[in-house]
PDB file of N, CA and C in Angstrom:
ATOM      1  N   MET A   1       3.880 -19.434   8.063  1.00  0.00           N
ATOM      2  CA  MET A   1       3.482 -18.774   6.583  1.00  0.00           C
ATOM      3  C   MET A   1       2.222 -19.525   6.271  1.00  0.00           C
ATOM      4  N   PRO A   2       1.223 -18.588   5.915  1.00  0.00           N
ATOM      5  CA  PRO A   2      -0.088 -18.928   5.533  1.00  0.00           C
ATOM      6  C   PRO A   2      -0.060 -19.748   4.295  1.00  0.00           C
ATOM      7  N   ASN A   3      -1.235 -20.666   4.279  1.00  0.00           N
ATOM      8  CA  ASN A   3      -1.234 -21.485   3.349  1.00  0.00           C
ATOM      9  C   ASN A   3      -2.160 -20.962   2.134  1.00  0.00           C
ATOM     10  N   VAL A   4      -1.661 -21.191   1.197  1.00  0.00           N
ATOM     11  CA  VAL A   4      -2.268 -20.877  -0.121  1.00  0.00           C
ATOM     12  C   VAL A   4      -2.740 -21.828  -1.082  1.00  0.00           C
ATOM     13  N   THR A   5      -3.741 -21.541  -1.871  1.00  0.00           N
ATOM     14  CA  THR A   5      -4.113 -22.621  -2.668  1.00  0.00           C
ATOM     15  C   THR A   5      -4.481 -22.073  -3.941  1.00  0.00           C
ATOM     16  N   THR A   6      -4.422 -22.730  -5.116  1.00  0.00           N
ATOM     17  CA  THR A   6      -4.494 -22.370  -6.152  1.00  0.00           C
ATOM     18  C   THR A   6      -5.500 -23.327  -7.137  1.00  0.00           C
ATOM     19  N   ARG A   7      -6.354 -23.896  -6.421  1.00  0.00           N
ATOM     20  CA  ARG A   7      -7.188 -24.967  -6.876  1.00  0.00           C
ATOM     21  C   ARG A   7      -8.196 -24.024  -7.872  1.00  0.00           C
ATOM     22  N   ASN A   8      -8.331 -24.955  -9.026  1.00  0.00           N
ATOM     23  CA  ASN A   8      -9.160 -24.585 -10.126  1.00  0.00           C
ATOM     24  C   ASN A   8      -8.352 -23.136 -10.715  1.00  0.00           C
ATOM     25  N   SER A   9      -7.324 -22.766 -10.645  1.00  0.00           N
ATOM     26  CA  SER A   9      -6.933 -21.532 -11.255  1.00  0.00           C
ATOM     27  C   SER A   9      -6.407 -21.623 -12.463  1.00  0.00           C
ATOM     28  N   PRO A  10      -6.451 -20.883 -13.513  1.00  0.00           N
ATOM     29  CA  PRO A  10      -6.027 -21.319 -14.696  1.00  0.00           C
ATOM     30  C   PRO A  10      -4.493 -20.836 -14.745  1.00  0.00           C
ATOM     31  N   CYS A  11      -3.880 -21.425 -15.747  1.00  0.00           N
ATOM     32  CA  CYS A  11      -2.308 -21.188 -15.972  1.00  0.00           C
ATOM     33  C   CYS A  11      -2.340 -19.886 -16.488  1.00  0.00           C
ATOM     34  N   ALA A  12      -1.002 -19.153 -16.109  1.00  0.00           N
ATOM     35  CA  ALA A  12      -0.912 -17.698 -16.639  1.00  0.00           C
ATOM     36  C   ALA A  12      -0.782 -17.693 -17.853  1.00  0.00           C
ATOM     37  N   ILE A  13      -0.191 -18.690 -18.719  1.00  0.00           N
ATOM     38  CA  ILE A  13      -0.255 -18.541 -20.209  1.00  0.00           C
ATOM     39  C   ILE A  13      -1.105 -19.022 -21.077  1.00  0.00           C
ATOM     40  N   CYS A  14      -1.659 -20.291 -20.752  1.00  0.00           N
ATOM     41  CA  CYS A  14      -2.728 -20.917 -21.719  1.00  0.00           C
ATOM     42  C   CYS A  14      -4.033 -20.928 -21.119  1.00  0.00           C
ATOM     43  N   GLY A  15      -4.421 -20.756 -19.845  1.00  0.00           N
ATOM     44  CA  GLY A  15      -5.537 -20.910 -19.093  1.00  0.00           C
ATOM     45  C   GLY A  15      -6.109 -22.280 -18.681  1.00  0.00           C
ATOM     46  N   TYR A  16      -5.241 -23.088 -18.878  1.00  0.00           N
ATOM     47  CA  TYR A  16      -5.527 -24.591 -18.772  1.00  0.00           C
ATOM     48  C   TYR A  16      -5.720 -24.676 -16.930  1.00  0.00           C
ATOM     49  N   PRO A  17      -6.713 -25.380 -16.250  1.00  0.00           N
ATOM     50  CA  PRO A  17      -6.730 -25.355 -15.082  1.00  0.00           C
ATOM     51  C   PRO A  17      -5.641 -26.452 -14.454  1.00  0.00           C
ATOM     52  N   ILE A  18      -4.920 -25.588 -13.742  1.00  0.00           N
ATOM     53  CA  ILE A  18      -3.875 -26.377 -13.000  1.00  0.00           C
ATOM     54  C   ILE A  18      -4.119 -26.975 -11.531  1.00  0.00           C
ATOM     55  N   LYS A  19      -3.360 -28.020 -11.093  1.00  0.00           N
ATOM     56  CA  LYS A  19      -3.816 -28.534  -9.594  1.00  0.00           C
ATOM     57  C   LYS A  19      -3.452 -27.614  -8.611  1.00  0.00           C
ATOM     58  N   ALA A  20      -3.915 -27.899  -7.464  1.00  0.00           N
ATOM     59  CA  ALA A  20      -3.689 -27.032  -6.218  1.00  0.00           C
ATOM     60  C   ALA A  20      -2.184 -26.941  -5.652  1.00  0.00           C
ATOM     61  N   ALA A  21      -1.648 -25.656  -5.488  1.00  0.00           N
ATOM     62  CA  ALA A  21      -0.433 -25.659  -4.690  1.00  0.00           C
ATOM     63  C   ALA A  21      -0.619 -25.729  -3.002  1.00  0.00           C
ATOM     64  N   ARG A  22       0.483 -26.333  -2.495  1.00  0.00           N
ATOM     65  CA  ARG A  22       0.198 -26.367  -1.162  1.00  0.00           C
ATOM     66  C   ARG A  22       0.387 -25.098  -0.387  1.00  0.00           C
ATOM     67  N   GLY A  23       1.367 -24.351  -0.826  1.00  0.00           N
ATOM     68  CA  GLY A  23       1.872 -23.090  -0.063  1.00  0.00           C
ATOM     69  C   GLY A  23       2.298 -22.144  -0.857  1.00  0.00           C
ATOM     70  N   ASN A  24       2.533 -20.915  -0.243  1.00  0.00           N
ATOM     71  CA  ASN A  24       3.212 -19.794  -0.803  1.00  0.00           C
ATOM     72  C   ASN A  24       4.449 -20.175  -1.466  1.00  0.00           C
ATOM     73  N   GLY A  25       4.856 -19.663  -2.619  1.00  0.00           N
ATOM     74  CA  GLY A  25       6.056 -20.043  -3.262  1.00  0.00           C
ATOM     75  C   GLY A  25       6.318 -21.381  -3.882  1.00  0.00           C
ATOM     76  N   GLN A  26       5.350 -22.289  -3.781  1.00  0.00           N
ATOM     77  CA  GLN A  26       5.361 -23.521  -4.473  1.00  0.00           C
ATOM     78  C   GLN A  26       5.002 -23.438  -6.210  1.00  0.00           C
ATOM     79  N   GLN A  27       5.808 -24.207  -6.687  1.00  0.00           N
ATOM     80  CA  GLN A  27       5.800 -24.011  -8.093  1.00  0.00           C
ATOM     81  C   GLN A  27       5.059 -25.314  -8.903  1.00  0.00           C
ATOM     82  N   VAL A  28       4.020 -25.054  -9.604  1.00  0.00           N
ATOM     83  CA  VAL A  28       3.203 -26.062 -10.448  1.00  0.00           C
ATOM     84  C   VAL A  28       3.350 -26.065 -11.807  1.00  0.00           C
ATOM     85  N   ARG A  29       3.733 -27.073 -12.533  1.00  0.00           N
ATOM     86  CA  ARG A  29       3.973 -27.075 -13.887  1.00  0.00           C
ATOM     87  C   ARG A  29       2.521 -27.381 -14.562  1.00  0.00           C
ATOM     88  N   CYS A  30       2.272 -26.511 -15.502  1.00  0.00           N
ATOM     89  CA  CYS A  30       0.883 -26.887 -16.353  1.00  0.00           C
ATOM     90  C   CYS A  30       1.168 -27.895 -17.120  1.00  0.00           C
ATOM     91  N   PRO A  31       0.230 -28.925 -17.138  1.00  0.00           N
ATOM     92  CA  PRO A  31       0.379 -30.036 -17.801  1.00  0.00           C
ATOM     93  C   PRO A  31       0.155 -29.990 -19.418  1.00  0.00           C
ATOM     94  N   TYR A  32      -0.422 -28.922 -19.637  1.00  0.00           N
ATOM     95  CA  TYR A  32      -0.738 -28.600 -21.245  1.00  0.00           C
ATOM     96  C   TYR A  32       0.401 -27.965 -21.857  1.00  0.00           C
ATOM     97  N   CYS A  33       0.642 -26.748 -21.347  1.00  0.00           N
ATOM     98  CA  CYS A  33       1.722 -26.017 -21.951  1.00  0.00           C
ATOM     99  C   CYS A  33       3.399 -26.073 -21.227  1.00  0.00           C
ATOM    100  N   SER A  34       3.387 -26.506 -20.134  1.00  0.00           N
ATOM    101  CA  SER A  34       4.592 -26.905 -19.396  1.00  0.00           C
ATOM    102  C   SER A  34       5.154 -25.609 -18.838  1.00  0.00           C
ATOM    103  N   THR A  35       4.327 -24.568 -18.695  1.00  0.00           N
ATOM    104  CA  THR A  35       4.880 -23.356 -17.805  1.00  0.00           C
ATOM    105  C   THR A  35       4.762 -23.588 -16.489  1.00  0.00           C
ATOM    106  N   ILE A  36       5.661 -23.110 -15.796  1.00  0.00           N
ATOM    107  CA  ILE A  36       5.809 -23.172 -14.351  1.00  0.00           C
ATOM    108  C   ILE A  36       5.040 -22.123 -13.812  1.00  0.00           C
ATOM    109  N   ASN A  37       4.052 -22.327 -12.992  1.00  0.00           N
ATOM    110  CA  ASN A  37       3.273 -21.102 -12.210  1.00  0.00           C
ATOM    111  C   ASN A  37       3.661 -21.397 -10.695  1.00  0.00           C
ATOM    112  N   GLU A  38       3.792 -20.236 -10.299  1.00  0.00           N
ATOM    113  CA  GLU A  38       4.008 -20.190  -8.660  1.00  0.00           C
ATOM    114  C   GLU A  38       3.239 -19.498  -8.013  1.00  0.00           C
ATOM    115  N   ALA A  39       2.482 -20.079  -6.870  1.00  0.00           N
ATOM    116  CA  ALA A  39       1.528 -19.836  -5.819  1.00  0.00           C
ATOM    117  C   ALA A  39       1.949 -18.518  -5.053  1.00  0.00           C
ATOM    118  N   VAL A  40       1.250 -17.515  -5.097  1.00  0.00           N
ATOM    119  CA  VAL A  40       1.452 -16.340  -4.331  1.00  0.00           C
ATOM    120  C   VAL A  40       0.309 -15.887  -3.537  1.00  0.00           C
ATOM    121  N   ILE A  41       0.706 -15.248  -2.340  1.00  0.00           N
ATOM    122  CA  ILE A  41      -0.408 -14.634  -1.565  1.00  0.00           C
ATOM    123  C   ILE A  41      -0.961 -13.595  -2.142  1.00  0.00           C
ATOM    124  N   THR A  42      -2.462 -13.787  -2.432  1.00  0.00           N
ATOM    125  CA  THR A  42      -3.063 -12.660  -2.963  1.00  0.00           C
ATOM    126  C   THR A  42      -4.048 -11.851  -1.832  1.00  0.00           C
ATOM    127  N   GLN A  43      -3.907 -12.253  -0.679  1.00  0.00           N
ATOM    128  CA  GLN A  43      -4.941 -11.755  -0.009  1.00  0.00           C
ATOM    129  C   GLN A  43      -4.117 -10.597   1.138  1.00  0.00           C
ATOM    130  N   VAL A  44      -3.021  -9.868   0.766  1.00  0.00           N
ATOM    131  CA  VAL A  44      -2.295  -9.281   1.590  1.00  0.00           C
ATOM    132  C   VAL A  44      -2.869  -7.880   0.823  1.00  0.00           C
ATOM    133  N   SER A  45      -3.257  -6.950   1.718  1.00  0.00           N
ATOM    134  CA  SER A  45      -3.481  -5.768   1.409  1.00  0.00           C
ATOM    135  C   SER A  45      -3.239  -4.601   2.244  1.00  0.00           C
ATOM    136  N   ILE A  46      -2.699  -3.324   1.738  1.00  0.00           N
ATOM    137  CA  ILE A  46      -2.424  -2.118   2.686  1.00  0.00           C
ATOM    138  C   ILE A  46      -3.600  -1.539   3.056  1.00  0.00           C
ATOM    139  N   PRO A  47      -3.908  -1.386   4.340  1.00  0.00           N
ATOM    140  CA  PRO A  47      -5.038  -0.578   4.770  1.00  0.00           C
ATOM    141  C   PRO A  47      -4.996   0.753   4.253  1.00  0.00           C
ATOM    142  N   THR A  48      -5.486   1.278   3.366  1.00  0.00           N
ATOM    143  CA  THR A  48      -5.276   2.340   2.369  1.00  0.00           C
ATOM    144  C   THR A  48      -5.942   3.784   3.396  1.00  0.00           C
ATOM    145  N   PRO A  49      -7.064   3.487   4.126  1.00  0.00           N
ATOM    146  CA  PRO A  49      -7.457   4.837   4.733  1.00  0.00           C
ATOM    147  C   PRO A  49      -6.637   5.077   5.768  1.00  0.00           C
ATOM    148  N   VAL A  50      -6.020   4.174   6.385  1.00  0.00           N
ATOM    149  CA  VAL A  50      -5.020   4.464   7.584  1.00  0.00           C
ATOM    150  C   VAL A  50      -3.835   4.930   6.951  1.00  0.00           C
ATOM    151  N   PHE A  51      -3.077   4.652   5.934  1.00  0.00           N
ATOM    152  CA  PHE A  51      -1.915   4.861   5.132  1.00  0.00           C
ATOM    153  C   PHE A  51      -2.456   6.512   4.590  1.00  0.00           C
ATOM    154  N   VAL A  52      -3.397   6.651   4.018  1.00  0.00           N
ATOM    155  CA  VAL A  52      -3.751   8.006   3.353  1.00  0.00           C
ATOM    156  C   VAL A  52      -3.846   8.895   4.691  1.00  0.00           C
ATOM    157  N   GLY A  53      -4.536   8.658   5.746  1.00  0.00           N
ATOM    158  CA  GLY A  53      -4.517   9.491   6.852  1.00  0.00           C
ATOM    159  C   GLY A  53      -3.323   9.775   7.417  1.00  0.00           C
ATOM    160  N   PHE A  54      -2.387   8.890   7.657  1.00  0.00           N
ATOM    161  CA  PHE A  54      -1.034   9.103   7.854  1.00  0.00           C
ATOM    162  C   PHE A  54      -0.154  10.203   7.102  1.00  0.00           C
ATOM    163  N   ILE A  55      -0.331   9.918   6.065  1.00  0.00           N
ATOM    164  CA  ILE A  55       0.309  10.688   4.888  1.00  0.00           C
ATOM    165  C   ILE A  55      -0.175  12.244   5.002  1.00  0.00           C
ATOM    166  N   ALA A  56      -1.711  12.317   5.060  1.00  0.00           N
ATOM    167  CA  ALA A  56      -2.192  13.686   5.187  1.00  0.00           C
ATOM    168  C   ALA A  56      -1.828  14.172   6.526  1.00  0.00           C
ATOM    169  N   PHE A  57      -1.759  13.693   7.683  1.00  0.00           N
ATOM    170  CA  PHE A  57      -1.289  14.079   8.795  1.00  0.00           C
ATOM    171  C   PHE A  57       0.143  14.751   8.806  1.00  0.00           C
ATOM    172  N   ALA A  58       0.976  13.769   8.404  1.00  0.00           N
ATOM    173  CA  ALA A  58       2.444  14.142   8.211  1.00  0.00           C
ATOM    174  C   ALA A  58       2.622  15.306   7.422  1.00  0.00           C
ATOM    175  N   ALA A  59       1.613  15.545   6.294  1.00  0.00           N
ATOM    176  CA  ALA A  59       2.052  16.565   5.292  1.00  0.00           C
ATOM    177  C   ALA A  59       1.472  17.703   6.092  1.00  0.00           C
ATOM    178  N   GLY A  60       0.223  17.604   6.653  1.00  0.00           N
ATOM    179  CA  GLY A  60      -0.208  19.047   7.378  1.00  0.00           C
ATOM    180  C   GLY A  60       0.767  19.400   8.638  1.00  0.00           C
ATOM    181  N   VAL A  61       1.403  18.503   9.343  1.00  0.00           N
ATOM    182  CA  VAL A  61       2.413  18.770  10.303  1.00  0.00           C
ATOM    183  C   VAL A  61       3.658  19.757   9.726  1.00  0.00           C
ATOM    184  N   PHE A  62       3.989  18.982   8.599  1.00  0.00           N
ATOM    185  CA  PHE A  62       5.470  19.254   8.082  1.00  0.00           C
ATOM    186  C   PHE A  62       5.156  20.542   7.060  1.00  0.00           C
ATOM    187  N   PHE A  63       4.142  20.611   5.968  1.00  0.00           N
ATOM    188  CA  PHE A  63       4.153  21.783   5.205  1.00  0.00           C
ATOM    189  C   PHE A  63       2.988  22.700   5.541  1.00  0.00           C
ATOM    190  N   GLY A  64       2.146  22.373   6.543  1.00  0.00           N
ATOM    191  CA  GLY A  64       0.943  23.082   6.959  1.00  0.00           C
ATOM    192  C   GLY A  64       1.748  24.918   7.409  1.00  0.00           C
ATOM    193  N   PRO A  65       2.327  24.981   8.088  1.00  0.00           N
ATOM    194  CA  PRO A  65       2.854  26.167   8.657  1.00  0.00           C
ATOM    195  C   PRO A  65       3.820  26.566   7.515  1.00  0.00           C
ATOM    196  N   ALA A  66       4.557  26.212   6.558  1.00  0.00           N
ATOM    197  CA  ALA A  66       5.252  26.904   5.508  1.00  0.00           C
ATOM    198  C   ALA A  66       4.160  27.499   4.484  1.00  0.00           C
ATOM    199  N   ILE A  67       2.992  26.643   4.349  1.00  0.00           N
ATOM    200  CA  ILE A  67       2.026  26.930   3.356  1.00  0.00           C
ATOM    201  C   ILE A  67       1.267  28.246   3.929  1.00  0.00           C
ATOM    202  N   LEU A  68       1.052  28.259   5.264  1.00  0.00           N
ATOM    203  CA  LEU A  68       0.316  29.243   6.072  1.00  0.00           C
ATOM    204  C   LEU A  68       1.228  30.631   6.260  1.00  0.00           C
ATOM    205  N   ALA A  69       2.526  30.577   6.094  1.00  0.00           N
ATOM    206  CA  ALA A  69       3.418  31.658   6.543  1.00  0.00           C
ATOM    207  C   ALA A  69       3.660  32.248   4.915  1.00  0.00           C
ATOM    208  N   ALA A  70       3.231  31.550   3.966  1.00  0.00           N
ATOM    209  CA  ALA A  70       3.426  32.055   2.539  1.00  0.00           C
ATOM    210  C   ALA A  70       2.473  33.188   2.151  1.00  0.00           C
ATOM    211  N   THR A  71       1.264  33.442   3.073  1.00  0.00           N
ATOM    212  CA  THR A  71       0.664  34.626   2.716  1.00  0.00           C
ATOM    213  C   THR A  71       0.691  35.518   3.843  1.00  0.00           C
ATOM    214  N   ASP A  72       0.277  36.931   3.675  1.00  0.00           N
ATOM    215  CA  ASP A  72       0.510  38.084   4.498  1.00  0.00           C
ATOM    216  C   ASP A  72      -0.305  37.744   5.874  1.00  0.00           C
ATOM    217  N   THR A  73      -1.581  37.120   5.616  1.00  0.00           N
ATOM    218  CA  THR A  73      -2.484  37.092   6.832  1.00  0.00           C
ATOM    219  C   THR A  73      -1.879  36.036   7.703  1.00  0.00           C
ATOM    220  N   GLY A  74      -1.476  34.697   7.210  1.00  0.00           N
ATOM    221  CA  GLY A  74      -0.944  33.601   7.763  1.00  0.00           C
ATOM    222  C   GLY A  74       0.412  33.849   8.613  1.00  0.00           C
ATOM    223  N   ALA A  75       1.228  34.771   7.808  1.00  0.00           N
ATOM    224  CA  ALA A  75       2.545  35.141   8.356  1.00  0.00           C
ATOM    225  C   ALA A  75       2.071  36.275   9.729  1.00  0.00           C
ATOM    226  N   ASP A  76       1.095  36.881   9.443  1.00  0.00           N
ATOM    227  CA  ASP A  76       0.680  37.818  11.005  1.00  0.00           C
ATOM    228  C   ASP A  76       0.007  36.896  12.045  1.00  0.00           C
ATOM    229  N   TYR A  77      -0.706  35.923  11.629  1.00  0.00           N
ATOM    230  CA  TYR A  77      -1.236  34.928  12.458  1.00  0.00           C
ATOM    231  C   TYR A  77      -0.207  34.252  13.201  1.00  0.00           C
ATOM    232  N   LEU A  78       0.815  33.827  12.437  1.00  0.00           N
ATOM    233  CA  LEU A  78       2.090  32.873  13.057  1.00  0.00           C
ATOM    234  C   LEU A  78       2.777  34.070  14.069  1.00  0.00           C
ATOM    235  N   ALA A  79       2.981  35.159  13.558  1.00  0.00           N
ATOM    236  CA  ALA A  79       3.812  36.078  14.557  1.00  0.00           C
ATOM    237  C   ALA A  79       3.063  36.363  15.601  1.00  0.00           C
ATOM    238  N   ARG A  80       1.639  36.583  15.712  1.00  0.00           N
ATOM    239  CA  ARG A  80       0.962  36.787  16.976  1.00  0.00           C
ATOM    240  C   ARG A  80       1.008  35.519  17.869  1.00  0.00           C
ATOM    241  N   GLN A  81       1.015  34.091  17.246  1.00  0.00           N
ATOM    242  CA  GLN A  81       1.090  32.962  17.992  1.00  0.00           C
ATOM    243  C   GLN A  81       2.454  32.842  18.684  1.00  0.00           C
ATOM    244  N   VAL A  82       3.314  33.176  17.919  1.00  0.00           N
ATOM    245  CA  VAL A  82       4.884  33.200  18.610  1.00  0.00           C
ATOM    246  C   VAL A  82       5.008  34.196  19.547  1.00  0.00           C
ATOM    247  N   ARG A  83       4.733  35.419  19.442  1.00  0.00           N
ATOM    248  CA  ARG A  83       4.569  36.426  20.622  1.00  0.00           C
ATOM    249  C   ARG A  83       4.036  36.043  21.607  1.00  0.00           C
ATOM    250  N   GLY A  84       2.616  35.497  21.583  1.00  0.00           N
ATOM    251  CA  GLY A  84       1.833  35.079  22.734  1.00  0.00           C
ATOM    252  C   GLY A  84       2.452  33.836  23.393  1.00  0.00           C
ATOM    253  N   ARG A  85       3.265  32.740  22.815  1.00  0.00           N
ATOM    254  CA  ARG A  85       3.826  31.869  23.667  1.00  0.00           C
ATOM    255  C   ARG A  85       5.202  32.175  24.048  1.00  0.00           C
ATOM    256  N   LEU A  86       5.883  33.453  23.598  1.00  0.00           N
ATOM    257  CA  LEU A  86       7.254  33.706  24.349  1.00  0.00           C
ATOM    258  C   LEU A  86       7.105  34.364  25.301  1.00  0.00           C
ATOM    259  N   GLY A  87       5.930  35.122  25.321  1.00  0.00           N
ATOM    260  CA  GLY A  87       5.547  36.032  26.565  1.00  0.00           C
ATOM    261  C   GLY A  87       5.343  37.507  26.264  1.00  0.00           C
TER     262      GLY A  87
END
């Protein structure tokens, strides 16, 4: 599990600086307001371009032919493609 530090981070309620936490999930009590603050990993991110690209590709594969077949020109194109592949 990665090490997480909250050194010089403010309390979530009052903003008072709290001591460093040693790892993810460790709870630190604020000495000023007695609120319990929990250390969390903040450097986790979703690779957005890869995720959006995957969603766009999947949408194109699944919905592309249906959208194309909704027009007369697209339906004729798909019919020619099917006839060409079937022989």
